[in-house]
PDB file of all heavy atoms in Angstrom:
ATOM      1  N   LEU A   1      42.510  67.918  11.417  1.00  0.00           N
ATOM      2  CA  LEU A   1      42.310  68.361  12.788  1.00  0.00           C
ATOM      3  C   LEU A   1      43.305  67.679  13.726  1.00  0.00           C
ATOM      4  O   LEU A   1      43.078  67.567  14.916  1.00  0.00           O
ATOM      5  CB  LEU A   1      40.878  68.058  13.235  1.00  0.00           C
ATOM      6  CG  LEU A   1      39.775  68.727  12.414  1.00  0.00           C
ATOM      7  CD1 LEU A   1      38.403  68.325  12.934  1.00  0.00           C
ATOM      8  CD2 LEU A   1      39.930  70.233  12.441  1.00  0.00           C
ATOM      9  N   ASP A   2      44.404  67.242  13.165  1.00  0.00           N
ATOM     10  CA  ASP A   2      45.426  66.512  13.919  1.00  0.00           C
ATOM     11  C   ASP A   2      46.373  67.480  14.617  1.00  0.00           C
ATOM     12  O   ASP A   2      47.123  68.205  13.953  1.00  0.00           O
ATOM     13  CB  ASP A   2      46.208  65.615  12.959  1.00  0.00           C
ATOM     14  CG  ASP A   2      47.284  64.795  13.651  1.00  0.00           C
ATOM     15  OD1 ASP A   2      47.243  64.690  14.903  1.00  0.00           O
ATOM     16  OD2 ASP A   2      48.142  64.245  12.948  1.00  0.00           O
ATOM     17  N   PRO A   3      46.399  67.520  15.951  1.00  0.00           N
ATOM     18  CA  PRO A   3      47.304  68.435  16.653  1.00  0.00           C
ATOM     19  C   PRO A   3      48.770  68.073  16.449  1.00  0.00           C
ATOM     20  O   PRO A   3      49.649  68.907  16.641  1.00  0.00           O
ATOM     21  CB  PRO A   3      46.886  68.302  18.112  1.00  0.00           C
ATOM     22  CG  PRO A   3      46.279  66.945  18.210  1.00  0.00           C
ATOM     23  CD  PRO A   3      45.596  66.718  16.893  1.00  0.00           C
ATOM     24  N   GLU A   4      49.038  66.822  16.061  1.00  0.00           N
ATOM     25  CA  GLU A   4      50.421  66.413  15.839  1.00  0.00           C
ATOM     26  C   GLU A   4      50.909  66.766  14.437  1.00  0.00           C
ATOM     27  O   GLU A   4      52.081  66.578  14.116  1.00  0.00           O
ATOM     28  CB  GLU A   4      50.550  64.906  16.063  1.00  0.00           C
ATOM     29  CG  GLU A   4      50.225  64.477  17.487  1.00  0.00           C
ATOM     30  CD  GLU A   4      50.360  62.976  17.651  1.00  0.00           C
ATOM     31  OE1 GLU A   4      51.310  62.391  17.103  1.00  0.00           O
ATOM     32  OE2 GLU A   4      49.505  62.378  18.326  1.00  0.00           O
ATOM     33  N   ASN A   5      49.992  67.250  13.606  1.00  0.00           N
ATOM     34  CA  ASN A   5      50.348  67.707  12.263  1.00  0.00           C
ATOM     35  C   ASN A   5      51.045  66.614  11.442  1.00  0.00           C
ATOM     36  O   ASN A   5      52.001  66.869  10.706  1.00  0.00           O
ATOM     37  CB  ASN A   5      51.247  68.945  12.338  1.00  0.00           C
ATOM     38  CG  ASN A   5      51.242  69.730  11.033  1.00  0.00           C
ATOM     39  OD1 ASN A   5      50.253  69.741  10.305  1.00  0.00           O
ATOM     40  ND2 ASN A   5      52.349  70.389  10.737  1.00  0.00           N
ATOM     41  N   ARG A   6      50.547  65.386  11.549  1.00  0.00           N
ATOM     42  CA  ARG A   6      51.119  64.289  10.785  1.00  0.00           C
ATOM     43  C   ARG A   6      50.704  64.365   9.319  1.00  0.00           C
ATOM     44  O   ARG A   6      49.696  64.980   8.986  1.00  0.00           O
ATOM     45  CB  ARG A   6      50.692  62.949  11.403  1.00  0.00           C
ATOM     46  CG  ARG A   6      51.283  62.696  12.776  1.00  0.00           C
ATOM     47  CD  ARG A   6      50.614  61.517  13.456  1.00  0.00           C
ATOM     48  NE  ARG A   6      49.211  61.780  13.733  1.00  0.00           N
ATOM     49  CZ  ARG A   6      48.391  60.905  14.313  1.00  0.00           C
ATOM     50  NH1 ARG A   6      48.842  59.711  14.657  1.00  0.00           N
ATOM     51  NH2 ARG A   6      47.136  61.217  14.539  1.00  0.00           N
ATOM     52  N   THR A   7      51.483  63.752   8.457  1.00  0.00           N
ATOM     53  CA  THR A   7      51.225  63.822   7.024  1.00  0.00           C
ATOM     54  C   THR A   7      49.958  63.039   6.665  1.00  0.00           C
ATOM     55  O   THR A   7      49.873  61.835   6.949  1.00  0.00           O
ATOM     56  CB  THR A   7      52.408  63.247   6.229  1.00  0.00           C
ATOM     57  OG1 THR A   7      53.586  63.982   6.564  1.00  0.00           O
ATOM     58  CG2 THR A   7      52.150  63.347   4.733  1.00  0.00           C
ATOM     59  N   PRO A   8      48.982  63.692   6.045  1.00  0.00           N
ATOM     60  CA  PRO A   8      47.765  62.980   5.641  1.00  0.00           C
ATOM     61  C   PRO A   8      47.908  62.408   4.236  1.00  0.00           C
ATOM     62  O   PRO A   8      48.851  62.745   3.508  1.00  0.00           O
ATOM     63  CB  PRO A   8      46.710  64.086   5.663  1.00  0.00           C
ATOM     64  CG  PRO A   8      47.482  65.314   5.258  1.00  0.00           C
ATOM     65  CD  PRO A   8      48.879  65.144   5.830  1.00  0.00           C
ATOM     66  N   TYR A   9      46.974  61.558   3.839  1.00  0.00           N
ATOM     67  CA  TYR A   9      46.945  61.075   2.468  1.00  0.00           C
ATOM     68  C   TYR A   9      46.706  62.241   1.516  1.00  0.00           C
ATOM     69  O   TYR A   9      45.839  63.088   1.755  1.00  0.00           O
ATOM     70  CB  TYR A   9      45.817  60.061   2.273  1.00  0.00           C
ATOM     71  CG  TYR A   9      46.024  58.742   2.966  1.00  0.00           C
ATOM     72  CD1 TYR A   9      45.170  58.328   3.990  1.00  0.00           C
ATOM     73  CD2 TYR A   9      47.051  57.884   2.588  1.00  0.00           C
ATOM     74  CE1 TYR A   9      45.334  57.098   4.613  1.00  0.00           C
ATOM     75  CE2 TYR A   9      47.227  56.655   3.210  1.00  0.00           C
ATOM     76  CZ  TYR A   9      46.370  56.269   4.217  1.00  0.00           C
ATOM     77  OH  TYR A   9      46.542  55.052   4.840  1.00  0.00           O
ATOM     78  N   GLY A  10      47.468  62.271   0.427  1.00  0.00           N
ATOM     79  CA  GLY A  10      47.331  63.358  -0.530  1.00  0.00           C
ATOM     80  C   GLY A  10      45.997  63.363  -1.244  1.00  0.00           C
ATOM     81  O   GLY A  10      45.501  64.418  -1.644  1.00  0.00           O
ATOM     82  N   GLU A  11      45.389  62.164  -1.391  1.00  0.00           N
ATOM     83  CA  GLU A  11      44.127  62.074  -2.133  1.00  0.00           C
ATOM     84  C   GLU A  11      42.894  62.018  -1.226  1.00  0.00           C
ATOM     85  O   GLU A  11      41.844  61.514  -1.623  1.00  0.00           O
ATOM     86  CB  GLU A  11      44.147  60.856  -3.050  1.00  0.00           C
ATOM     87  CG  GLU A  11      45.083  60.999  -4.227  1.00  0.00           C
ATOM     88  CD  GLU A  11      44.832  59.924  -5.265  1.00  0.00           C
ATOM     89  OE1 GLU A  11      45.157  58.751  -4.996  1.00  0.00           O
ATOM     90  OE2 GLU A  11      44.304  60.256  -6.337  1.00  0.00           O
ATOM     91  N   ARG A  12      43.007  62.575  -0.026  1.00  0.00           N
ATOM     92  CA  ARG A  12      41.855  62.602   0.872  1.00  0.00           C
ATOM     93  C   ARG A  12      40.699  63.410   0.298  1.00  0.00           C
ATOM     94  O   ARG A  12      39.549  63.261   0.738  1.00  0.00           O
ATOM     95  CB  ARG A  12      42.267  63.149   2.239  1.00  0.00           C
ATOM     96  CG  ARG A  12      42.751  64.593   2.215  1.00  0.00           C
ATOM     97  CD  ARG A  12      43.424  64.959   3.525  1.00  0.00           C
ATOM     98  NE  ARG A  12      43.895  66.347   3.544  1.00  0.00           N
ATOM     99  CZ  ARG A  12      45.022  66.750   2.976  1.00  0.00           C
ATOM    100  NH1 ARG A  12      45.802  65.886   2.336  1.00  0.00           N
ATOM    101  NH2 ARG A  12      45.391  68.017   3.040  1.00  0.00           N
ATOM    102  N   MET A  13      40.967  64.252  -0.711  1.00  0.00           N
ATOM    103  CA  MET A  13      39.900  65.049  -1.317  1.00  0.00           C
ATOM    104  C   MET A  13      38.849  64.161  -1.990  1.00  0.00           C
ATOM    105  O   MET A  13      37.700  64.568  -2.147  1.00  0.00           O
ATOM    106  CB  MET A  13      40.470  66.040  -2.334  1.00  0.00           C
ATOM    107  CG  MET A  13      41.610  66.903  -1.816  1.00  0.00           C
ATOM    108  SD  MET A  13      41.229  67.745  -0.262  1.00  0.00           S
ATOM    109  CE  MET A  13      42.802  68.533   0.074  1.00  0.00           C
ATOM    110  N   ILE A  14      39.241  62.957  -2.391  1.00  0.00           N
ATOM    111  CA  ILE A  14      38.260  62.013  -2.928  1.00  0.00           C
ATOM    112  C   ILE A  14      37.165  61.784  -1.897  1.00  0.00           C
ATOM    113  O   ILE A  14      35.968  61.846  -2.199  1.00  0.00           O
ATOM    114  CB  ILE A  14      38.931  60.670  -3.280  1.00  0.00           C
ATOM    115  CG1 ILE A  14      39.907  60.836  -4.448  1.00  0.00           C
ATOM    116  CG2 ILE A  14      37.876  59.608  -3.598  1.00  0.00           C
ATOM    117  CD1 ILE A  14      40.719  59.575  -4.740  1.00  0.00           C
ATOM    118  N   HIS A  15      37.572  61.527  -0.674  1.00  0.00           N
ATOM    119  CA  HIS A  15      36.634  61.190   0.388  1.00  0.00           C
ATOM    120  C   HIS A  15      35.746  62.377   0.741  1.00  0.00           C
ATOM    121  O   HIS A  15      34.522  62.243   0.806  1.00  0.00           O
ATOM    122  CB  HIS A  15      37.409  60.713   1.619  1.00  0.00           C
ATOM    123  CG  HIS A  15      38.282  59.531   1.343  1.00  0.00           C
ATOM    124  ND1 HIS A  15      37.983  58.251   1.749  1.00  0.00           N
ATOM    125  CD2 HIS A  15      39.474  59.434   0.680  1.00  0.00           C
ATOM    126  CE1 HIS A  15      38.929  57.413   1.362  1.00  0.00           C
ATOM    127  NE2 HIS A  15      39.855  58.118   0.717  1.00  0.00           N
ATOM    128  N   GLY A  16      36.377  63.532   0.960  1.00  0.00           N
ATOM    129  CA  GLY A  16      35.602  64.717   1.326  1.00  0.00           C
ATOM    130  C   GLY A  16      34.585  65.093   0.270  1.00  0.00           C
ATOM    131  O   GLY A  16      33.442  65.462   0.589  1.00  0.00           O
ATOM    132  N   ALA A  17      34.969  64.997  -0.994  1.00  0.00           N
ATOM    133  CA  ALA A  17      34.062  65.375  -2.079  1.00  0.00           C
ATOM    134  C   ALA A  17      32.884  64.418  -2.179  1.00  0.00           C
ATOM    135  O   ALA A  17      31.748  64.834  -2.440  1.00  0.00           O
ATOM    136  CB  ALA A  17      34.824  65.419  -3.403  1.00  0.00           C
ATOM    137  N   VAL A  18      33.133  63.128  -1.968  1.00  0.00           N
ATOM    138  CA  VAL A  18      32.030  62.161  -2.012  1.00  0.00           C
ATOM    139  C   VAL A  18      31.082  62.381  -0.838  1.00  0.00           C
ATOM    140  O   VAL A  18      29.856  62.380  -1.001  1.00  0.00           O
ATOM    141  CB  VAL A  18      32.564  60.718  -2.022  1.00  0.00           C
ATOM    142  CG1 VAL A  18      31.419  59.718  -1.875  1.00  0.00           C
ATOM    143  CG2 VAL A  18      33.325  60.442  -3.310  1.00  0.00           C
ATOM    144  N   TYR A  19      31.622  62.596   0.366  1.00  0.00           N
ATOM    145  CA  TYR A  19      30.754  62.863   1.515  1.00  0.00           C
ATOM    146  C   TYR A  19      29.945  64.145   1.304  1.00  0.00           C
ATOM    147  O   TYR A  19      28.781  64.224   1.700  1.00  0.00           O
ATOM    148  CB  TYR A  19      31.579  62.971   2.798  1.00  0.00           C
ATOM    149  CG  TYR A  19      32.183  61.672   3.246  1.00  0.00           C
ATOM    150  CD1 TYR A  19      33.548  61.574   3.537  1.00  0.00           C
ATOM    151  CD2 TYR A  19      31.412  60.526   3.384  1.00  0.00           C
ATOM    152  CE1 TYR A  19      34.115  60.379   3.953  1.00  0.00           C
ATOM    153  CE2 TYR A  19      31.967  59.323   3.796  1.00  0.00           C
ATOM    154  CZ  TYR A  19      33.316  59.261   4.076  1.00  0.00           C
ATOM    155  OH  TYR A  19      33.874  58.075   4.483  1.00  0.00           O
ATOM    156  N   GLU A  20      30.551  65.124   0.707  1.00  0.00           N
ATOM    157  CA  GLU A  20      29.872  66.388   0.435  1.00  0.00           C
ATOM    158  C   GLU A  20      28.694  66.187  -0.523  1.00  0.00           C
ATOM    159  O   GLU A  20      27.618  66.770  -0.349  1.00  0.00           O
ATOM    160  CB  GLU A  20      30.866  67.392  -0.158  1.00  0.00           C
ATOM    161  CG  GLU A  20      30.288  68.739  -0.509  1.00  0.00           C
ATOM    162  CD  GLU A  20      31.323  69.630  -1.177  1.00  0.00           C
ATOM    163  OE1 GLU A  20      31.614  69.407  -2.374  1.00  0.00           O
ATOM    164  OE2 GLU A  20      31.845  70.534  -0.502  1.00  0.00           O
ATOM    165  N   ALA A  21      28.911  65.352  -1.542  1.00  0.00           N
ATOM    166  CA  ALA A  21      27.904  65.163  -2.588  1.00  0.00           C
ATOM    167  C   ALA A  21      26.827  64.155  -2.204  1.00  0.00           C
ATOM    168  O   ALA A  21      25.708  64.223  -2.731  1.00  0.00           O
ATOM    169  CB  ALA A  21      28.584  64.710  -3.882  1.00  0.00           C
ATOM    170  N   ARG A  22      27.159  63.227  -1.302  1.00  0.00           N
ATOM    171  CA  ARG A  22      26.257  62.100  -1.037  1.00  0.00           C
ATOM    172  C   ARG A  22      25.968  61.966   0.461  1.00  0.00           C
ATOM    173  O   ARG A  22      26.762  61.393   1.206  1.00  0.00           O
ATOM    174  CB  ARG A  22      26.891  60.801  -1.562  1.00  0.00           C
ATOM    175  CG  ARG A  22      27.112  60.726  -3.062  1.00  0.00           C
ATOM    176  CD  ARG A  22      25.897  60.203  -3.774  1.00  0.00           C
ATOM    177  NE  ARG A  22      25.529  58.878  -3.305  1.00  0.00           N
ATOM    178  CZ  ARG A  22      26.048  57.735  -3.788  1.00  0.00           C
ATOM    179  NH1 ARG A  22      26.976  57.781  -4.746  1.00  0.00           N
ATOM    180  NH2 ARG A  22      25.636  56.576  -3.329  1.00  0.00           N
ATOM    181  N   SER A  23      24.828  62.454   0.899  1.00  0.00           N
ATOM    182  CA  SER A  23      24.473  62.339   2.312  1.00  0.00           C
ATOM    183  C   SER A  23      24.187  60.895   2.715  1.00  0.00           C
ATOM    184  O   SER A  23      24.199  60.561   3.907  1.00  0.00           O
ATOM    185  CB  SER A  23      23.252  63.207   2.621  1.00  0.00           C
ATOM    186  OG  SER A  23      22.130  62.788   1.852  1.00  0.00           O
ATOM    187  N   ASP A  24      23.951  60.023   1.726  1.00  0.00           N
ATOM    188  CA  ASP A  24      23.664  58.617   2.013  1.00  0.00           C
ATOM    189  C   ASP A  24      24.932  57.792   2.217  1.00  0.00           C
ATOM    190  O   ASP A  24      24.858  56.639   2.642  1.00  0.00           O
ATOM    191  CB  ASP A  24      22.856  58.004   0.871  1.00  0.00           C
ATOM    192  CG  ASP A  24      23.612  58.038  -0.458  1.00  0.00           C
ATOM    193  OD1 ASP A  24      24.108  59.129  -0.820  1.00  0.00           O
ATOM    194  OD2 ASP A  24      23.688  56.997  -1.129  1.00  0.00           O
ATOM    195  N   VAL A  25      26.084  58.370   1.935  1.00  0.00           N
ATOM    196  CA  VAL A  25      27.359  57.649   2.010  1.00  0.00           C
ATOM    197  C   VAL A  25      28.020  57.890   3.359  1.00  0.00           C
ATOM    198  O   VAL A  25      28.166  59.030   3.798  1.00  0.00           O
ATOM    199  CB  VAL A  25      28.299  58.079   0.867  1.00  0.00           C
ATOM    200  CG1 VAL A  25      29.721  57.582   1.111  1.00  0.00           C
ATOM    201  CG2 VAL A  25      27.774  57.557  -0.461  1.00  0.00           C
ATOM    202  N   ASN A  26      28.439  56.805   4.005  1.00  0.00           N
ATOM    203  CA  ASN A  26      29.128  56.903   5.295  1.00  0.00           C
ATOM    204  C   ASN A  26      30.500  56.246   5.296  1.00  0.00           C
ATOM    205  O   ASN A  26      31.178  56.245   6.322  1.00  0.00           O
ATOM    206  CB  ASN A  26      28.261  56.283   6.390  1.00  0.00           C
ATOM    207  CG  ASN A  26      27.000  57.088   6.649  1.00  0.00           C
ATOM    208  OD1 ASN A  26      27.061  58.272   6.949  1.00  0.00           O
ATOM    209  ND2 ASN A  26      25.851  56.446   6.502  1.00  0.00           N
ATOM    210  N   ALA A  27      30.913  55.675   4.156  1.00  0.00           N
ATOM    211  CA  ALA A  27      32.242  55.067   4.065  1.00  0.00           C
ATOM    212  C   ALA A  27      32.703  55.103   2.616  1.00  0.00           C
ATOM    213  O   ALA A  27      31.907  54.903   1.692  1.00  0.00           O
ATOM    214  CB  ALA A  27      32.218  53.633   4.577  1.00  0.00           C
ATOM    215  N   VAL A  28      33.996  55.362   2.435  1.00  0.00           N
ATOM    216  CA  VAL A  28      34.584  55.485   1.100  1.00  0.00           C
ATOM    217  C   VAL A  28      35.893  54.713   1.061  1.00  0.00           C
ATOM    218  O   VAL A  28      36.693  54.783   1.998  1.00  0.00           O
ATOM    219  CB  VAL A  28      34.834  56.967   0.733  1.00  0.00           C
ATOM    220  CG1 VAL A  28      35.564  57.078  -0.606  1.00  0.00           C
ATOM    221  CG2 VAL A  28      33.518  57.743   0.692  1.00  0.00           C
ATOM    222  N   VAL A  29      36.105  53.985  -0.037  1.00  0.00           N
ATOM    223  CA  VAL A  29      37.372  53.284  -0.282  1.00  0.00           C
ATOM    224  C   VAL A  29      37.940  53.776  -1.603  1.00  0.00           C
ATOM    225  O   VAL A  29      37.211  53.896  -2.590  1.00  0.00           O
ATOM    226  CB  VAL A  29      37.167  51.755  -0.363  1.00  0.00           C
ATOM    227  CG1 VAL A  29      38.481  51.061  -0.750  1.00  0.00           C
ATOM    228  CG2 VAL A  29      36.636  51.200   0.952  1.00  0.00           C
ATOM    229  N   HIS A  30      39.238  54.063  -1.610  1.00  0.00           N
ATOM    230  CA  HIS A  30      39.953  54.333  -2.867  1.00  0.00           C
ATOM    231  C   HIS A  30      41.067  53.311  -2.990  1.00  0.00           C
ATOM    232  O   HIS A  30      41.835  53.102  -2.044  1.00  0.00           O
ATOM    233  CB  HIS A  30      40.536  55.741  -2.897  1.00  0.00           C
ATOM    234  CG  HIS A  30      41.473  55.962  -4.046  1.00  0.00           C
ATOM    235  ND1 HIS A  30      41.107  55.737  -5.354  1.00  0.00           N
ATOM    236  CD2 HIS A  30      42.774  56.377  -4.087  1.00  0.00           C
ATOM    237  CE1 HIS A  30      42.141  56.000  -6.152  1.00  0.00           C
ATOM    238  NE2 HIS A  30      43.158  56.393  -5.401  1.00  0.00           N
ATOM    239  N   ASN A  31      41.136  52.626  -4.143  1.00  0.00           N
ATOM    240  CA  ASN A  31      42.163  51.600  -4.309  1.00  0.00           C
ATOM    241  C   ASN A  31      42.639  51.526  -5.746  1.00  0.00           C
ATOM    242  O   ASN A  31      42.029  52.102  -6.655  1.00  0.00           O
ATOM    243  CB  ASN A  31      41.626  50.245  -3.853  1.00  0.00           C
ATOM    244  CG  ASN A  31      40.600  49.680  -4.806  1.00  0.00           C
ATOM    245  OD1 ASN A  31      40.935  49.061  -5.817  1.00  0.00           O
ATOM    246  ND2 ASN A  31      39.309  49.884  -4.517  1.00  0.00           N
ATOM    247  N   HIS A  32      43.730  50.792  -5.936  1.00  0.00           N
ATOM    248  CA  HIS A  32      44.345  50.609  -7.254  1.00  0.00           C
ATOM    249  C   HIS A  32      44.422  49.127  -7.610  1.00  0.00           C
ATOM    250  O   HIS A  32      45.402  48.676  -8.203  1.00  0.00           O
ATOM    251  CB  HIS A  32      45.769  51.190  -7.271  1.00  0.00           C
ATOM    252  CG  HIS A  32      45.887  52.563  -6.711  1.00  0.00           C
ATOM    253  ND1 HIS A  32      46.984  52.957  -5.967  1.00  0.00           N
ATOM    254  CD2 HIS A  32      45.070  53.641  -6.773  1.00  0.00           C
ATOM    255  CE1 HIS A  32      46.835  54.225  -5.593  1.00  0.00           C
ATOM    256  NE2 HIS A  32      45.676  54.652  -6.063  1.00  0.00           N
ATOM    257  N   ALA A  33      43.415  48.332  -7.226  1.00  0.00           N
ATOM    258  CA  ALA A  33      43.450  46.892  -7.477  1.00  0.00           C
ATOM    259  C   ALA A  33      43.748  46.620  -8.947  1.00  0.00           C
ATOM    260  O   ALA A  33      43.080  47.139  -9.841  1.00  0.00           O
ATOM    261  CB  ALA A  33      42.120  46.264  -7.075  1.00  0.00           C
ATOM    262  N   TYR A  34      44.747  45.784  -9.189  1.00  0.00           N
ATOM    263  CA  TYR A  34      45.283  45.618 -10.543  1.00  0.00           C
ATOM    264  C   TYR A  34      44.253  45.082 -11.538  1.00  0.00           C
ATOM    265  O   TYR A  34      44.265  45.462 -12.715  1.00  0.00           O
ATOM    266  CB  TYR A  34      46.498  44.695 -10.505  1.00  0.00           C
ATOM    267  CG  TYR A  34      47.607  45.193  -9.604  1.00  0.00           C
ATOM    268  CD1 TYR A  34      48.305  44.324  -8.777  1.00  0.00           C
ATOM    269  CD2 TYR A  34      47.939  46.545  -9.562  1.00  0.00           C
ATOM    270  CE1 TYR A  34      49.314  44.788  -7.941  1.00  0.00           C
ATOM    271  CE2 TYR A  34      48.941  47.010  -8.735  1.00  0.00           C
ATOM    272  CZ  TYR A  34      49.623  46.131  -7.919  1.00  0.00           C
ATOM    273  OH  TYR A  34      50.611  46.591  -7.084  1.00  0.00           O
ATOM    274  N   ALA A  35      43.345  44.215 -11.103  1.00  0.00           N
ATOM    275  CA  ALA A  35      42.363  43.648 -12.025  1.00  0.00           C
ATOM    276  C   ALA A  35      41.407  44.695 -12.583  1.00  0.00           C
ATOM    277  O   ALA A  35      40.809  44.503 -13.649  1.00  0.00           O
ATOM    278  CB  ALA A  35      41.575  42.538 -11.329  1.00  0.00           C
ATOM    279  N   LEU A  36      41.268  45.808 -11.877  1.00  0.00           N
ATOM    280  CA  LEU A  36      40.360  46.866 -12.332  1.00  0.00           C
ATOM    281  C   LEU A  36      40.959  47.697 -13.463  1.00  0.00           C
ATOM    282  O   LEU A  36      40.228  48.257 -14.293  1.00  0.00           O
ATOM    283  CB  LEU A  36      40.024  47.813 -11.172  1.00  0.00           C
ATOM    284  CG  LEU A  36      39.432  47.202  -9.904  1.00  0.00           C
ATOM    285  CD1 LEU A  36      39.231  48.292  -8.870  1.00  0.00           C
ATOM    286  CD2 LEU A  36      38.134  46.492 -10.204  1.00  0.00           C
ATOM    287  N   LEU A  37      42.268  47.800 -13.484  1.00  0.00           N
ATOM    288  CA  LEU A  37      42.933  48.770 -14.352  1.00  0.00           C
ATOM    289  C   LEU A  37      42.661  48.567 -15.844  1.00  0.00           C
ATOM    290  O   LEU A  37      42.485  49.561 -16.569  1.00  0.00           O
ATOM    291  CB  LEU A  37      44.435  48.771 -14.064  1.00  0.00           C
ATOM    292  CG  LEU A  37      44.814  49.123 -12.609  1.00  0.00           C
ATOM    293  CD1 LEU A  37      46.318  49.117 -12.438  1.00  0.00           C
ATOM    294  CD2 LEU A  37      44.221  50.460 -12.189  1.00  0.00           C
ATOM    295  N   PRO A  38      42.608  47.336 -16.367  1.00  0.00           N
ATOM    296  CA  PRO A  38      42.329  47.196 -17.801  1.00  0.00           C
ATOM    297  C   PRO A  38      40.996  47.806 -18.228  1.00  0.00           C
ATOM    298  O   PRO A  38      40.860  48.302 -19.354  1.00  0.00           O
ATOM    299  CB  PRO A  38      42.330  45.673 -18.007  1.00  0.00           C
ATOM    300  CG  PRO A  38      43.206  45.144 -16.927  1.00  0.00           C
ATOM    301  CD  PRO A  38      42.931  46.035 -15.753  1.00  0.00           C
ATOM    302  N   PHE A  39      40.018  47.792 -17.332  1.00  0.00           N
ATOM    303  CA  PHE A  39      38.697  48.319 -17.682  1.00  0.00           C
ATOM    304  C   PHE A  39      38.673  49.851 -17.686  1.00  0.00           C
ATOM    305  O   PHE A  39      37.739  50.447 -18.217  1.00  0.00           O
ATOM    306  CB  PHE A  39      37.647  47.781 -16.709  1.00  0.00           C
ATOM    307  CG  PHE A  39      37.488  46.290 -16.797  1.00  0.00           C
ATOM    308  CD1 PHE A  39      38.131  45.449 -15.899  1.00  0.00           C
ATOM    309  CD2 PHE A  39      36.714  45.719 -17.796  1.00  0.00           C
ATOM    310  CE1 PHE A  39      37.995  44.067 -15.985  1.00  0.00           C
ATOM    311  CE2 PHE A  39      36.571  44.340 -17.892  1.00  0.00           C
ATOM    312  CZ  PHE A  39      37.215  43.517 -16.990  1.00  0.00           C
ATOM    313  N   GLY A  40      39.690  50.458 -17.123  1.00  0.00           N
ATOM    314  CA  GLY A  40      39.760  51.914 -17.120  1.00  0.00           C
ATOM    315  C   GLY A  40      40.552  52.488 -18.275  1.00  0.00           C
ATOM    316  O   GLY A  40      40.613  53.713 -18.438  1.00  0.00           O
ATOM    317  N   ILE A  41      41.161  51.608 -19.102  1.00  0.00           N
ATOM    318  CA  ILE A  41      42.030  52.120 -20.175  1.00  0.00           C
ATOM    319  C   ILE A  41      41.724  51.529 -21.548  1.00  0.00           C
ATOM    320  O   ILE A  41      42.400  51.855 -22.528  1.00  0.00           O
ATOM    321  CB  ILE A  41      43.520  51.850 -19.843  1.00  0.00           C
ATOM    322  CG1 ILE A  41      43.789  50.355 -19.639  1.00  0.00           C
ATOM    323  CG2 ILE A  41      43.929  52.637 -18.603  1.00  0.00           C
ATOM    324  CD1 ILE A  41      45.246  50.012 -19.370  1.00  0.00           C
ATOM    325  N   THR A  42      40.700  50.671 -21.633  1.00  0.00           N
ATOM    326  CA  THR A  42      40.430  49.989 -22.904  1.00  0.00           C
ATOM    327  C   THR A  42      39.090  50.331 -23.536  1.00  0.00           C
ATOM    328  O   THR A  42      38.855  50.007 -24.703  1.00  0.00           O
ATOM    329  CB  THR A  42      40.450  48.464 -22.712  1.00  0.00           C
ATOM    330  OG1 THR A  42      39.430  48.098 -21.763  1.00  0.00           O
ATOM    331  CG2 THR A  42      41.808  47.997 -22.209  1.00  0.00           C
ATOM    332  N   GLY A  43      38.210  50.939 -22.768  1.00  0.00           N
ATOM    333  CA  GLY A  43      36.872  51.178 -23.286  1.00  0.00           C
ATOM    334  C   GLY A  43      35.930  50.010 -23.062  1.00  0.00           C
ATOM    335  O   GLY A  43      34.747  50.082 -23.413  1.00  0.00           O
ATOM    336  N   ARG A  44      36.423  48.915 -22.483  1.00  0.00           N
ATOM    337  CA  ARG A  44      35.584  47.754 -22.166  1.00  0.00           C
ATOM    338  C   ARG A  44      34.979  47.951 -20.796  1.00  0.00           C
ATOM    339  O   ARG A  44      35.691  48.130 -19.801  1.00  0.00           O
ATOM    340  CB  ARG A  44      36.415  46.469 -22.193  1.00  0.00           C
ATOM    341  CG  ARG A  44      35.618  45.194 -21.885  1.00  0.00           C
ATOM    342  CD  ARG A  44      34.559  44.941 -22.955  1.00  0.00           C
ATOM    343  NE  ARG A  44      34.036  43.590 -22.908  1.00  0.00           N
ATOM    344  CZ  ARG A  44      32.992  43.198 -22.158  1.00  0.00           C
ATOM    345  NH1 ARG A  44      32.399  44.053 -21.367  1.00  0.00           N
ATOM    346  NH2 ARG A  44      32.572  41.947 -22.211  1.00  0.00           N
ATOM    347  N   ALA A  45      33.661  47.952 -20.711  1.00  0.00           N
ATOM    348  CA  ALA A  45      32.986  48.234 -19.452  1.00  0.00           C
ATOM    349  C   ALA A  45      33.158  47.098 -18.461  1.00  0.00           C
ATOM    350  O   ALA A  45      33.112  45.916 -18.826  1.00  0.00           O
ATOM    351  CB  ALA A  45      31.505  48.482 -19.696  1.00  0.00           C
ATOM    352  N   LEU A  46      33.351  47.441 -17.212  1.00  0.00           N
ATOM    353  CA  LEU A  46      33.317  46.480 -16.122  1.00  0.00           C
ATOM    354  C   LEU A  46      31.871  46.349 -15.675  1.00  0.00           C
ATOM    355  O   LEU A  46      31.199  47.346 -15.378  1.00  0.00           O
ATOM    356  CB  LEU A  46      34.199  46.942 -14.966  1.00  0.00           C
ATOM    357  CG  LEU A  46      34.200  46.089 -13.693  1.00  0.00           C
ATOM    358  CD1 LEU A  46      34.644  44.657 -13.994  1.00  0.00           C
ATOM    359  CD2 LEU A  46      35.105  46.711 -12.639  1.00  0.00           C
ATOM    360  N   GLU A  47      31.364  45.110 -15.617  1.00  0.00           N
ATOM    361  CA  GLU A  47      29.955  44.871 -15.317  1.00  0.00           C
ATOM    362  C   GLU A  47      29.818  43.808 -14.236  1.00  0.00           C
ATOM    363  O   GLU A  47      30.694  42.952 -14.091  1.00  0.00           O
ATOM    364  CB  GLU A  47      29.218  44.408 -16.570  1.00  0.00           C
ATOM    365  CG  GLU A  47      29.279  45.405 -17.719  1.00  0.00           C
ATOM    366  CD  GLU A  47      28.655  44.858 -18.988  1.00  0.00           C
ATOM    367  OE1 GLU A  47      29.054  43.744 -19.406  1.00  0.00           O
ATOM    368  OE2 GLU A  47      27.774  45.529 -19.548  1.00  0.00           O
ATOM    369  N   PRO A  48      28.719  43.822 -13.493  1.00  0.00           N
ATOM    370  CA  PRO A  48      28.488  42.753 -12.517  1.00  0.00           C
ATOM    371  C   PRO A  48      28.163  41.453 -13.241  1.00  0.00           C
ATOM    372  O   PRO A  48      27.176  41.382 -13.982  1.00  0.00           O
ATOM    373  CB  PRO A  48      27.296  43.268 -11.699  1.00  0.00           C
ATOM    374  CG  PRO A  48      26.573  44.198 -12.622  1.00  0.00           C
ATOM    375  CD  PRO A  48      27.636  44.835 -13.467  1.00  0.00           C
TER     376      PRO A  48
END
């Protein structure tokens, strides 16, 4: 809805889709923090 037509983030669909699916969600973060990456490619679960 930007009248200046500035370039938006290409992955904004992450945010819209989460808001669409989750009425309880009011904020979304997408990141590439390096410490997370091994858990996404090894099959080893990241746990609290």
